[in-house]
């Protein structure tokens, strides 16, 4: 695998930042950023979207532009559900005397169902 991937942001090459400026005097361009691939690190995850985008802005641009095509890969026609225990309400009082209610929601694992 290459040690970098070009950012997949559709407008990455249009962002006016100094690190994108390339070329010789008289023929300068703004170029897409490289995204370093840290494959030698223990925390590297090959399926992470940060491997393909130089910033959240480039990721958001990509997602907004291609959302319909992305959803067509795995359309969702039914909702997903996570089993939970009946929610419980706990009343608390702060050191200043204010009362509030906290609703506790506990997910059930397969053994508890």
PDB file of N, CA and C in Angstrom:
ATOM      1  N   UNK A   1       0.849  -1.185   0.000  1.00  0.00           N
ATOM      2  CA  UNK A   1       0.000   0.000   0.000  1.00  0.00           C
ATOM      3  C   UNK A   1       0.890   1.242   0.000  1.00  0.00           C
ATOM      4  N   UNK A   2       0.459   2.248  -0.698  1.00  0.00           N
ATOM      5  CA  UNK A   2       1.207   3.513  -0.737  1.00  0.00           C
ATOM      6  C   UNK A   2       1.225   4.146   0.650  1.00  0.00           C
ATOM      7  N   UNK A   3       2.208   4.989   0.881  1.00  0.00           N
ATOM      8  CA  UNK A   3       2.269   5.643   2.182  1.00  0.00           C
ATOM      9  C   UNK A   3       1.370   6.870   2.237  1.00  0.00           C
ATOM     10  N   UNK A   4       0.690   7.187   1.119  1.00  0.00           N
ATOM     11  CA  UNK A   4      -0.289   8.261   1.113  1.00  0.00           C
ATOM     12  C   UNK A   4      -1.384   7.952   0.098  1.00  0.00           C
ATOM     13  N   UNK A   5      -2.521   8.637   0.262  1.00  0.00           N
ATOM     14  CA  UNK A   5      -3.638   8.587  -0.679  1.00  0.00           C
ATOM     15  C   UNK A   5      -4.034  10.033  -0.929  1.00  0.00           C
ATOM     16  N   UNK A   6      -4.399  10.364  -2.151  1.00  0.00           N
ATOM     17  CA  UNK A   6      -4.877  11.707  -2.430  1.00  0.00           C
ATOM     18  C   UNK A   6      -6.236  11.895  -1.773  1.00  0.00           C
ATOM     19  N   UNK A   7      -6.461  13.062  -1.187  1.00  0.00           N
ATOM     20  CA  UNK A   7      -7.740  13.376  -0.556  1.00  0.00           C
ATOM     21  C   UNK A   7      -8.866  13.216  -1.573  1.00  0.00           C
ATOM     22  N   UNK A   8      -9.966  12.621  -1.155  1.00  0.00           N
ATOM     23  CA  UNK A   8     -11.106  12.384  -2.033  1.00  0.00           C
ATOM     24  C   UNK A   8     -12.137  13.510  -1.995  1.00  0.00           C
ATOM     25  N   UNK A   9     -11.851  14.572  -1.263  1.00  0.00           N
ATOM     26  CA  UNK A   9     -12.767  15.716  -1.229  1.00  0.00           C
ATOM     27  C   UNK A   9     -12.921  16.309  -2.619  1.00  0.00           C
ATOM     28  N   UNK A  10     -14.156  16.456  -3.120  1.00  0.00           N
ATOM     29  CA  UNK A  10     -14.355  16.923  -4.485  1.00  0.00           C
ATOM     30  C   UNK A  10     -13.871  18.344  -4.745  1.00  0.00           C
ATOM     31  N   UNK A  11     -13.718  19.139  -3.700  1.00  0.00           N
ATOM     32  CA  UNK A  11     -13.242  20.512  -3.904  1.00  0.00           C
ATOM     33  C   UNK A  11     -11.967  20.793  -3.114  1.00  0.00           C
ATOM     34  N   UNK A  12     -11.265  19.756  -2.703  1.00  0.00           N
ATOM     35  CA  UNK A  12     -10.026  19.918  -1.944  1.00  0.00           C
ATOM     36  C   UNK A  12      -9.042  20.820  -2.695  1.00  0.00           C
ATOM     37  N   UNK A  13      -8.948  20.628  -3.997  1.00  0.00           N
ATOM     38  CA  UNK A  13      -7.996  21.374  -4.819  1.00  0.00           C
ATOM     39  C   UNK A  13      -8.392  22.832  -5.042  1.00  0.00           C
ATOM     40  N   UNK A  14      -9.566  23.243  -4.539  1.00  0.00           N
ATOM     41  CA  UNK A  14      -9.995  24.631  -4.707  1.00  0.00           C
ATOM     42  C   UNK A  14      -9.798  25.461  -3.444  1.00  0.00           C
ATOM     43  N   UNK A  15      -9.466  24.817  -2.326  1.00  0.00           N
ATOM     44  CA  UNK A  15      -9.267  25.534  -1.069  1.00  0.00           C
ATOM     45  C   UNK A  15      -7.941  26.288  -1.104  1.00  0.00           C
ATOM     46  N   UNK A  16      -8.001  27.568  -0.851  1.00  0.00           N
ATOM     47  CA  UNK A  16      -6.809  28.424  -0.944  1.00  0.00           C
ATOM     48  C   UNK A  16      -5.998  28.391   0.349  1.00  0.00           C
ATOM     49  N   UNK A  17      -5.128  27.383   0.453  1.00  0.00           N
ATOM     50  CA  UNK A  17      -4.203  27.309   1.585  1.00  0.00           C
ATOM     51  C   UNK A  17      -2.791  27.159   1.033  1.00  0.00           C
ATOM     52  N   UNK A  18      -1.814  27.660   1.757  1.00  0.00           N
ATOM     53  CA  UNK A  18      -0.427  27.677   1.300  1.00  0.00           C
ATOM     54  C   UNK A  18       0.101  26.276   1.008  1.00  0.00           C
ATOM     55  N   UNK A  19      -0.299  25.290   1.802  1.00  0.00           N
ATOM     56  CA  UNK A  19       0.222  23.931   1.594  1.00  0.00           C
ATOM     57  C   UNK A  19      -0.292  23.276   0.322  1.00  0.00           C
ATOM     58  N   UNK A  20      -1.290  23.855  -0.337  1.00  0.00           N
ATOM     59  CA  UNK A  20      -1.804  23.299  -1.588  1.00  0.00           C
ATOM     60  C   UNK A  20      -1.145  23.928  -2.827  1.00  0.00           C
ATOM     61  N   UNK A  21      -0.397  25.012  -2.644  1.00  0.00           N
ATOM     62  CA  UNK A  21       0.222  25.709  -3.780  1.00  0.00           C
ATOM     63  C   UNK A  21       1.386  24.881  -4.316  1.00  0.00           C
ATOM     64  N   UNK A  22       1.363  24.620  -5.614  1.00  0.00           N
ATOM     65  CA  UNK A  22       2.419  23.858  -6.270  1.00  0.00           C
ATOM     66  C   UNK A  22       2.749  24.499  -7.606  1.00  0.00           C
ATOM     67  N   UNK A  23       3.906  24.154  -8.177  1.00  0.00           N
ATOM     68  CA  UNK A  23       4.294  24.608  -9.502  1.00  0.00           C
ATOM     69  C   UNK A  23       5.383  25.656  -9.475  1.00  0.00           C
ATOM     70  N   UNK A  24       5.891  25.959 -10.650  1.00  0.00           N
ATOM     71  CA  UNK A  24       6.954  26.953 -10.768  1.00  0.00           C
ATOM     72  C   UNK A  24       6.349  28.330 -11.021  1.00  0.00           C
ATOM     73  N   UNK A  25       7.156  29.345 -10.860  1.00  0.00           N
ATOM     74  CA  UNK A  25       6.699  30.719 -11.015  1.00  0.00           C
ATOM     75  C   UNK A  25       6.043  30.895 -12.381  1.00  0.00           C
ATOM     76  N   UNK A  26       4.866  31.462 -12.370  1.00  0.00           N
ATOM     77  CA  UNK A  26       4.125  31.685 -13.605  1.00  0.00           C
ATOM     78  C   UNK A  26       3.147  30.582 -13.953  1.00  0.00           C
ATOM     79  N   UNK A  27       3.263  29.423 -13.331  1.00  0.00           N
ATOM     80  CA  UNK A  27       2.309  28.326 -13.607  1.00  0.00           C
ATOM     81  C   UNK A  27       1.953  27.598 -12.306  1.00  0.00           C
ATOM     82  N   UNK A  28       1.487  28.361 -11.344  1.00  0.00           N
ATOM     83  CA  UNK A  28       1.104  27.807 -10.042  1.00  0.00           C
ATOM     84  C   UNK A  28      -0.281  27.180 -10.101  1.00  0.00           C
ATOM     85  N   UNK A  29      -0.502  26.175  -9.271  1.00  0.00           N
ATOM     86  CA  UNK A  29      -1.808  25.524  -9.142  1.00  0.00           C
ATOM     87  C   UNK A  29      -2.077  25.242  -7.667  1.00  0.00           C
ATOM     88  N   UNK A  30      -3.346  25.052  -7.356  1.00  0.00           N
ATOM     89  CA  UNK A  30      -3.741  24.527  -6.051  1.00  0.00           C
ATOM     90  C   UNK A  30      -3.953  23.039  -6.246  1.00  0.00           C
ATOM     91  N   UNK A  31      -3.280  22.211  -5.461  1.00  0.00           N
ATOM     92  CA  UNK A  31      -3.334  20.767  -5.640  1.00  0.00           C
ATOM     93  C   UNK A  31      -4.031  20.109  -4.449  1.00  0.00           C
ATOM     94  N   UNK A  32      -4.707  19.020  -4.731  1.00  0.00           N
ATOM     95  CA  UNK A  32      -5.316  18.186  -3.692  1.00  0.00           C
ATOM     96  C   UNK A  32      -4.234  17.760  -2.693  1.00  0.00           C
ATOM     97  N   UNK A  33      -4.600  17.714  -1.411  1.00  0.00           N
ATOM     98  CA  UNK A  33      -3.653  17.297  -0.374  1.00  0.00           C
ATOM     99  C   UNK A  33      -3.449  15.787  -0.386  1.00  0.00           C
ATOM    100  N   UNK A  34      -2.263  15.386   0.090  1.00  0.00           N
ATOM    101  CA  UNK A  34      -1.991  13.970   0.334  1.00  0.00           C
ATOM    102  C   UNK A  34      -2.450  13.637   1.747  1.00  0.00           C
ATOM    103  N   UNK A  35      -2.948  12.418   1.931  1.00  0.00           N
ATOM    104  CA  UNK A  35      -3.351  11.947   3.257  1.00  0.00           C
ATOM    105  C   UNK A  35      -2.401  10.822   3.636  1.00  0.00           C
ATOM    106  N   UNK A  36      -1.606  11.041   4.664  1.00  0.00           N
ATOM    107  CA  UNK A  36      -0.609  10.058   5.107  1.00  0.00           C
ATOM    108  C   UNK A  36      -1.308   8.807   5.609  1.00  0.00           C
ATOM    109  N   UNK A  37      -0.782   7.653   5.218  1.00  0.00           N
ATOM    110  CA  UNK A  37      -1.291   6.362   5.680  1.00  0.00           C
ATOM    111  C   UNK A  37      -0.310   5.816   6.718  1.00  0.00           C
ATOM    112  N   UNK A  38      -0.766   5.709   7.944  1.00  0.00           N
ATOM    113  CA  UNK A  38       0.093   5.278   9.053  1.00  0.00           C
ATOM    114  C   UNK A  38      -0.035   3.769   9.270  1.00  0.00           C
ATOM    115  N   UNK A  39       0.225   2.990   8.234  1.00  0.00           N
ATOM    116  CA  UNK A  39       0.025   1.545   8.305  1.00  0.00           C
ATOM    117  C   UNK A  39       0.972   0.866   9.293  1.00  0.00           C
ATOM    118  N   UNK A  40       2.042   1.533   9.679  1.00  0.00           N
ATOM    119  CA  UNK A  40       3.000   0.944  10.615  1.00  0.00           C
ATOM    120  C   UNK A  40       2.646   1.217  12.072  1.00  0.00           C
ATOM    121  N   UNK A  41       1.545   1.885  12.339  1.00  0.00           N
ATOM    122  CA  UNK A  41       1.147   2.235  13.702  1.00  0.00           C
ATOM    123  C   UNK A  41       0.093   1.270  14.230  1.00  0.00           C
ATOM    124  N   UNK A  42       0.123   1.003  15.501  1.00  0.00           N
ATOM    125  CA  UNK A  42      -0.833   0.059  16.089  1.00  0.00           C
ATOM    126  C   UNK A  42      -2.263   0.599  16.053  1.00  0.00           C
ATOM    127  N   UNK A  43      -2.436   1.903  16.052  1.00  0.00           N
ATOM    128  CA  UNK A  43      -3.772   2.494  16.061  1.00  0.00           C
ATOM    129  C   UNK A  43      -4.369   2.640  14.665  1.00  0.00           C
ATOM    130  N   UNK A  44      -3.619   2.286  13.609  1.00  0.00           N
ATOM    131  CA  UNK A  44      -4.116   2.432  12.238  1.00  0.00           C
ATOM    132  C   UNK A  44      -5.281   1.481  11.983  1.00  0.00           C
ATOM    133  N   UNK A  45      -6.354   2.029  11.444  1.00  0.00           N
ATOM    134  CA  UNK A  45      -7.515   1.216  11.058  1.00  0.00           C
ATOM    135  C   UNK A  45      -7.757   1.411   9.568  1.00  0.00           C
ATOM    136  N   UNK A  46      -7.617   0.380   8.764  1.00  0.00           N
ATOM    137  CA  UNK A  46      -7.766   0.535   7.315  1.00  0.00           C
ATOM    138  C   UNK A  46      -9.161   0.976   6.871  1.00  0.00           C
ATOM    139  N   UNK A  47     -10.186   0.736   7.691  1.00  0.00           N
ATOM    140  CA  UNK A  47     -11.547   1.090   7.299  1.00  0.00           C
ATOM    141  C   UNK A  47     -11.979   2.481   7.763  1.00  0.00           C
ATOM    142  N   UNK A  48     -11.073   3.275   8.321  1.00  0.00           N
ATOM    143  CA  UNK A  48     -11.411   4.593   8.849  1.00  0.00           C
ATOM    144  C   UNK A  48     -11.467   5.620   7.729  1.00  0.00           C
ATOM    145  N   UNK A  49     -12.513   6.466   7.729  1.00  0.00           N
ATOM    146  CA  UNK A  49     -12.654   7.449   6.652  1.00  0.00           C
ATOM    147  C   UNK A  49     -11.552   8.493   6.659  1.00  0.00           C
ATOM    148  N   UNK A  50     -10.892   8.692   7.787  1.00  0.00           N
ATOM    149  CA  UNK A  50      -9.790   9.664   7.834  1.00  0.00           C
ATOM    150  C   UNK A  50      -8.628   9.240   6.924  1.00  0.00           C
ATOM    151  N   UNK A  51      -8.592   8.014   6.484  1.00  0.00           N
ATOM    152  CA  UNK A  51      -7.549   7.566   5.566  1.00  0.00           C
ATOM    153  C   UNK A  51      -7.737   8.137   4.165  1.00  0.00           C
ATOM    154  N   UNK A  52      -8.902   8.686   3.878  1.00  0.00           N
ATOM    155  CA  UNK A  52      -9.219   9.130   2.530  1.00  0.00           C
ATOM    156  C   UNK A  52      -9.485  10.628   2.410  1.00  0.00           C
ATOM    157  N   UNK A  53      -9.528  11.329   3.534  1.00  0.00           N
ATOM    158  CA  UNK A  53      -9.852  12.759   3.528  1.00  0.00           C
ATOM    159  C   UNK A  53      -8.869  13.519   4.404  1.00  0.00           C
ATOM    160  N   UNK A  54      -8.478  14.703   3.948  1.00  0.00           N
ATOM    161  CA  UNK A  54      -7.501  15.500   4.696  1.00  0.00           C
ATOM    162  C   UNK A  54      -8.145  16.308   5.808  1.00  0.00           C
ATOM    163  N   UNK A  55      -9.468  16.449   5.791  1.00  0.00           N
ATOM    164  CA  UNK A  55     -10.155  17.238   6.810  1.00  0.00           C
ATOM    165  C   UNK A  55     -11.624  16.826   6.878  1.00  0.00           C
ATOM    166  N   UNK A  56     -12.290  17.252   7.936  1.00  0.00           N
ATOM    167  CA  UNK A  56     -13.733  16.998   8.036  1.00  0.00           C
ATOM    168  C   UNK A  56     -14.482  17.734   6.930  1.00  0.00           C
ATOM    169  N   UNK A  57     -13.981  18.900   6.545  1.00  0.00           N
ATOM    170  CA  UNK A  57     -14.615  19.666   5.488  1.00  0.00           C
ATOM    171  C   UNK A  57     -14.614  18.881   4.175  1.00  0.00           C
ATOM    172  N   UNK A  58     -13.474  18.283   3.820  1.00  0.00           N
ATOM    173  CA  UNK A  58     -13.406  17.483   2.592  1.00  0.00           C
ATOM    174  C   UNK A  58     -14.302  16.251   2.697  1.00  0.00           C
ATOM    175  N   UNK A  59     -14.354  15.631   3.867  1.00  0.00           N
ATOM    176  CA  UNK A  59     -15.242  14.479   4.061  1.00  0.00           C
ATOM    177  C   UNK A  59     -16.699  14.898   3.876  1.00  0.00           C
ATOM    178  N   UNK A  60     -17.089  16.026   4.503  1.00  0.00           N
ATOM    179  CA  UNK A  60     -18.469  16.505   4.398  1.00  0.00           C
ATOM    180  C   UNK A  60     -18.823  16.857   2.954  1.00  0.00           C
ATOM    181  N   UNK A  61     -17.903  17.486   2.229  1.00  0.00           N
ATOM    182  CA  UNK A  61     -18.145  17.807   0.817  1.00  0.00           C
ATOM    183  C   UNK A  61     -18.414  16.528   0.014  1.00  0.00           C
ATOM    184  N   UNK A  62     -17.601  15.504   0.260  1.00  0.00           N
ATOM    185  CA  UNK A  62     -17.758  14.225  -0.430  1.00  0.00           C
ATOM    186  C   UNK A  62     -19.104  13.591  -0.076  1.00  0.00           C
ATOM    187  N   UNK A  63     -19.415  13.537   1.219  1.00  0.00           N
ATOM    188  CA  UNK A  63     -20.658  12.907   1.678  1.00  0.00           C
ATOM    189  C   UNK A  63     -21.874  13.644   1.123  1.00  0.00           C
ATOM    190  N   UNK A  64     -21.827  14.964   1.113  1.00  0.00           N
ATOM    191  CA  UNK A  64     -22.957  15.732   0.580  1.00  0.00           C
ATOM    192  C   UNK A  64     -23.115  15.538  -0.921  1.00  0.00           C
ATOM    193  N   UNK A  65     -22.015  15.460  -1.646  1.00  0.00           N
ATOM    194  CA  UNK A  65     -22.077  15.306  -3.098  1.00  0.00           C
ATOM    195  C   UNK A  65     -22.531  13.907  -3.513  1.00  0.00           C
ATOM    196  N   UNK A  66     -22.090  12.886  -2.770  1.00  0.00           N
ATOM    197  CA  UNK A  66     -22.342  11.502  -3.186  1.00  0.00           C
ATOM    198  C   UNK A  66     -23.280  10.731  -2.257  1.00  0.00           C
ATOM    199  N   UNK A  67     -24.015  11.415  -1.406  1.00  0.00           N
ATOM    200  CA  UNK A  67     -24.875  10.748  -0.420  1.00  0.00           C
ATOM    201  C   UNK A  67     -25.843   9.761  -1.064  1.00  0.00           C
ATOM    202  N   UNK A  68     -26.524  10.170  -2.113  1.00  0.00           N
ATOM    203  CA  UNK A  68     -27.503   9.273  -2.747  1.00  0.00           C
ATOM    204  C   UNK A  68     -26.836   8.024  -3.302  1.00  0.00           C
ATOM    205  N   UNK A  69     -25.669   8.172  -3.914  1.00  0.00           N
ATOM    206  CA  UNK A  69     -24.967   7.010  -4.458  1.00  0.00           C
ATOM    207  C   UNK A  69     -24.469   6.097  -3.340  1.00  0.00           C
ATOM    208  N   UNK A  70     -24.009   6.690  -2.238  1.00  0.00           N
ATOM    209  CA  UNK A  70     -23.527   5.902  -1.099  1.00  0.00           C
ATOM    210  C   UNK A  70     -24.681   5.086  -0.499  1.00  0.00           C
ATOM    211  N   UNK A  71     -25.841   5.711  -0.327  1.00  0.00           N
ATOM    212  CA  UNK A  71     -27.001   5.030   0.257  1.00  0.00           C
ATOM    213  C   UNK A  71     -27.466   3.883  -0.637  1.00  0.00           C
ATOM    214  N   UNK A  72     -27.314   4.013  -1.951  1.00  0.00           N
ATOM    215  CA  UNK A  72     -27.726   2.937  -2.868  1.00  0.00           C
ATOM    216  C   UNK A  72     -26.897   1.669  -2.664  1.00  0.00           C
ATOM    217  N   UNK A  73     -25.698   1.788  -2.090  1.00  0.00           N
ATOM    218  CA  UNK A  73     -24.867   0.609  -1.832  1.00  0.00           C
ATOM    219  C   UNK A  73     -25.531  -0.296  -0.802  1.00  0.00           C
ATOM    220  N   UNK A  74     -26.097   0.289   0.236  1.00  0.00           N
ATOM    221  CA  UNK A  74     -26.743  -0.487   1.295  1.00  0.00           C
ATOM    222  C   UNK A  74     -27.972   0.269   1.798  1.00  0.00           C
ATOM    223  N   UNK A  75     -29.046   0.273   1.014  1.00  0.00           N
ATOM    224  CA  UNK A  75     -30.239   1.013   1.431  1.00  0.00           C
ATOM    225  C   UNK A  75     -30.883   0.399   2.677  1.00  0.00           C
ATOM    226  N   UNK A  76     -31.444   1.245   3.506  1.00  0.00           N
ATOM    227  CA  UNK A  76     -32.129   0.766   4.708  1.00  0.00           C
ATOM    228  C   UNK A  76     -33.622   0.920   4.498  1.00  0.00           C
ATOM    229  N   UNK A  77     -34.335  -0.197   4.493  1.00  0.00           N
ATOM    230  CA  UNK A  77     -35.779  -0.168   4.278  1.00  0.00           C
ATOM    231  C   UNK A  77     -36.557  -0.457   5.557  1.00  0.00           C
ATOM    232  N   UNK A  78     -35.852  -0.872   6.599  1.00  0.00           N
ATOM    233  CA  UNK A  78     -36.490  -1.102   7.897  1.00  0.00           C
ATOM    234  C   UNK A  78     -35.595  -0.494   8.974  1.00  0.00           C
ATOM    235  N   UNK A  79     -36.183  -0.100  10.100  1.00  0.00           N
ATOM    236  CA  UNK A  79     -35.365   0.507  11.152  1.00  0.00           C
ATOM    237  C   UNK A  79     -34.540  -0.549  11.891  1.00  0.00           C
ATOM    238  N   UNK A  80     -33.444  -0.121  12.473  1.00  0.00           N
ATOM    239  CA  UNK A  80     -32.662  -0.974  13.356  1.00  0.00           C
ATOM    240  C   UNK A  80     -33.173  -0.765  14.774  1.00  0.00           C
ATOM    241  N   UNK A  81     -33.056  -1.785  15.612  1.00  0.00           N
ATOM    242  CA  UNK A  81     -33.514  -1.676  16.996  1.00  0.00           C
ATOM    243  C   UNK A  81     -32.497  -2.311  17.928  1.00  0.00           C
ATOM    244  N   UNK A  82     -32.358  -1.722  19.107  1.00  0.00           N
ATOM    245  CA  UNK A  82     -31.493  -2.247  20.155  1.00  0.00           C
ATOM    246  C   UNK A  82     -32.364  -2.552  21.368  1.00  0.00           C
ATOM    247  N   UNK A  83     -32.378  -3.792  21.845  1.00  0.00           N
ATOM    248  CA  UNK A  83     -33.185  -4.131  23.023  1.00  0.00           C
ATOM    249  C   UNK A  83     -32.664  -3.413  24.277  1.00  0.00           C
ATOM    250  N   UNK A  84     -33.607  -2.894  25.070  1.00  0.00           N
ATOM    251  CA  UNK A  84     -33.254  -2.208  26.327  1.00  0.00           C
ATOM    252  C   UNK A  84     -34.143  -2.710  27.452  1.00  0.00           C
ATOM    253  N   UNK A  85     -33.660  -2.538  28.667  1.00  0.00           N
ATOM    254  CA  UNK A  85     -34.492  -2.799  29.843  1.00  0.00           C
ATOM    255  C   UNK A  85     -35.437  -1.612  30.000  1.00  0.00           C
ATOM    256  N   UNK A  86     -36.509  -1.791  30.774  1.00  0.00           N
ATOM    257  CA  UNK A  86     -37.409  -0.663  31.013  1.00  0.00           C
ATOM    258  C   UNK A  86     -36.607   0.485  31.617  1.00  0.00           C
ATOM    259  N   UNK A  87     -36.732   1.690  31.066  1.00  0.00           N
ATOM    260  CA  UNK A  87     -35.987   2.831  31.610  1.00  0.00           C
ATOM    261  C   UNK A  87     -36.381   3.107  33.057  1.00  0.00           C
ATOM    262  N   UNK A  88     -35.395   3.522  33.856  1.00  0.00           N
ATOM    263  CA  UNK A  88     -35.651   3.891  35.250  1.00  0.00           C
ATOM    264  C   UNK A  88     -35.340   5.363  35.424  1.00  0.00           C
ATOM    265  N   UNK A  89     -36.052   5.986  36.363  1.00  0.00           N
ATOM    266  CA  UNK A  89     -35.841   7.407  36.635  1.00  0.00           C
ATOM    267  C   UNK A  89     -35.243   7.555  38.021  1.00  0.00           C
ATOM    268  N   UNK A  90     -34.127   8.254  38.088  1.00  0.00           N
ATOM    269  CA  UNK A  90     -33.450   8.512  39.354  1.00  0.00           C
ATOM    270  C   UNK A  90     -33.555   9.994  39.665  1.00  0.00           C
ATOM    271  N   UNK A  91     -34.005  10.316  40.892  1.00  0.00           N
ATOM    272  CA  UNK A  91     -34.088  11.716  41.295  1.00  0.00           C
ATOM    273  C   UNK A  91     -32.805  12.088  42.028  1.00  0.00           C
ATOM    274  N   UNK A  92     -32.260  13.238  41.680  1.00  0.00           N
ATOM    275  CA  UNK A  92     -31.029  13.730  42.285  1.00  0.00           C
ATOM    276  C   UNK A  92     -31.238  15.156  42.774  1.00  0.00           C
ATOM    277  N   UNK A  93     -30.472  15.517  43.784  1.00  0.00           N
ATOM    278  CA  UNK A  93     -30.478  16.886  44.282  1.00  0.00           C
ATOM    279  C   UNK A  93     -29.039  17.375  44.316  1.00  0.00           C
ATOM    280  N   UNK A  94     -28.808  18.557  43.748  1.00  0.00           N
ATOM    281  CA  UNK A  94     -27.455  19.113  43.729  1.00  0.00           C
ATOM    282  C   UNK A  94     -27.112  19.675  45.098  1.00  0.00           C
ATOM    283  N   UNK A  95     -25.849  20.019  45.294  1.00  0.00           N
ATOM    284  CA  UNK A  95     -25.418  20.604  46.568  1.00  0.00           C
ATOM    285  C   UNK A  95     -26.047  21.976  46.790  1.00  0.00           C
ATOM    286  N   UNK A  96     -26.604  22.577  45.745  1.00  0.00           N
ATOM    287  CA  UNK A  96     -27.270  23.873  45.871  1.00  0.00           C
ATOM    288  C   UNK A  96     -28.767  23.724  46.085  1.00  0.00           C
ATOM    289  N   UNK A  97     -29.257  22.492  46.167  1.00  0.00           N
ATOM    290  CA  UNK A  97     -30.658  22.252  46.458  1.00  0.00           C
ATOM    291  C   UNK A  97     -31.562  22.107  45.251  1.00  0.00           C
ATOM    292  N   UNK A  98     -31.008  22.107  44.052  1.00  0.00           N
ATOM    293  CA  UNK A  98     -31.827  21.920  42.846  1.00  0.00           C
ATOM    294  C   UNK A  98     -32.053  20.431  42.603  1.00  0.00           C
ATOM    295  N   UNK A  99     -33.275  20.089  42.249  1.00  0.00           N
ATOM    296  CA  UNK A  99     -33.613  18.693  41.966  1.00  0.00           C
ATOM    297  C   UNK A  99     -33.726  18.482  40.464  1.00  0.00           C
ATOM    298  N   UNK A 100     -33.302  17.300  40.028  1.00  0.00           N
ATOM    299  CA  UNK A 100     -33.475  16.929  38.628  1.00  0.00           C
ATOM    300  C   UNK A 100     -33.647  15.421  38.552  1.00  0.00           C
ATOM    301  N   UNK A 101     -34.220  14.978  37.444  1.00  0.00           N
ATOM    302  CA  UNK A 101     -34.461  13.556  37.214  1.00  0.00           C
ATOM    303  C   UNK A 101     -33.574  13.088  36.074  1.00  0.00           C
ATOM    304  N   UNK A 102     -32.911  11.973  36.300  1.00  0.00           N
ATOM    305  CA  UNK A 102     -32.068  11.361  35.271  1.00  0.00           C
ATOM    306  C   UNK A 102     -32.727  10.055  34.851  1.00  0.00           C
ATOM    307  N   UNK A 103     -32.984   9.910  33.560  1.00  0.00           N
ATOM    308  CA  UNK A 103     -33.546   8.666  33.043  1.00  0.00           C
ATOM    309  C   UNK A 103     -32.411   7.769  32.591  1.00  0.00           C
ATOM    310  N   UNK A 104     -32.346   6.596  33.191  1.00  0.00           N
ATOM    311  CA  UNK A 104     -31.276   5.638  32.882  1.00  0.00           C
ATOM    312  C   UNK A 104     -31.803   4.620  31.868  1.00  0.00           C
ATOM    313  N   UNK A 105     -31.096   4.505  30.753  1.00  0.00           N
ATOM    314  CA  UNK A 105     -31.457   3.535  29.721  1.00  0.00           C
ATOM    315  C   UNK A 105     -30.318   2.526  29.613  1.00  0.00           C
ATOM    316  N   UNK A 106     -30.641   1.250  29.857  1.00  0.00           N
ATOM    317  CA  UNK A 106     -29.633   0.195  29.840  1.00  0.00           C
ATOM    318  C   UNK A 106     -29.900  -0.743  28.686  1.00  0.00           C
ATOM    319  N   UNK A 107     -28.877  -0.893  27.823  1.00  0.00           N
ATOM    320  CA  UNK A 107     -28.985  -1.825  26.693  1.00  0.00           C
ATOM    321  C   UNK A 107     -28.862  -3.251  27.196  1.00  0.00           C
ATOM    322  N   UNK A 108     -29.620  -4.147  26.602  1.00  0.00           N
ATOM    323  CA  UNK A 108     -29.552  -5.559  26.962  1.00  0.00           C
ATOM    324  C   UNK A 108     -28.639  -6.280  25.995  1.00  0.00           C
ATOM    325  N   UNK A 109     -27.828  -7.181  26.524  1.00  0.00           N
ATOM    326  CA  UNK A 109     -27.032  -8.005  25.607  1.00  0.00           C
ATOM    327  C   UNK A 109     -27.854  -9.254  25.266  1.00  0.00           C
ATOM    328  N   UNK A 110     -27.356 -10.068  24.382  1.00  0.00           N
ATOM    329  CA  UNK A 110     -28.114 -11.234  23.903  1.00  0.00           C
ATOM    330  C   UNK A 110     -28.479 -12.203  25.022  1.00  0.00           C
ATOM    331  N   UNK A 111     -27.645 -12.313  26.058  1.00  0.00           N
ATOM    332  CA  UNK A 111     -27.896 -13.246  27.145  1.00  0.00           C
ATOM    333  C   UNK A 111     -29.084 -12.825  28.001  1.00  0.00           C
ATOM    334  N   UNK A 112     -29.376 -11.507  28.044  1.00  0.00           N
ATOM    335  CA  UNK A 112     -30.444 -11.012  28.901  1.00  0.00           C
ATOM    336  C   UNK A 112     -31.807 -11.017  28.221  1.00  0.00           C
ATOM    337  N   UNK A 113     -31.851 -11.285  26.947  1.00  0.00           N
ATOM    338  CA  UNK A 113     -33.127 -11.195  26.217  1.00  0.00           C
ATOM    339  C   UNK A 113     -33.987 -12.415  26.433  1.00  0.00           C
TER     340      UNK A 113
END
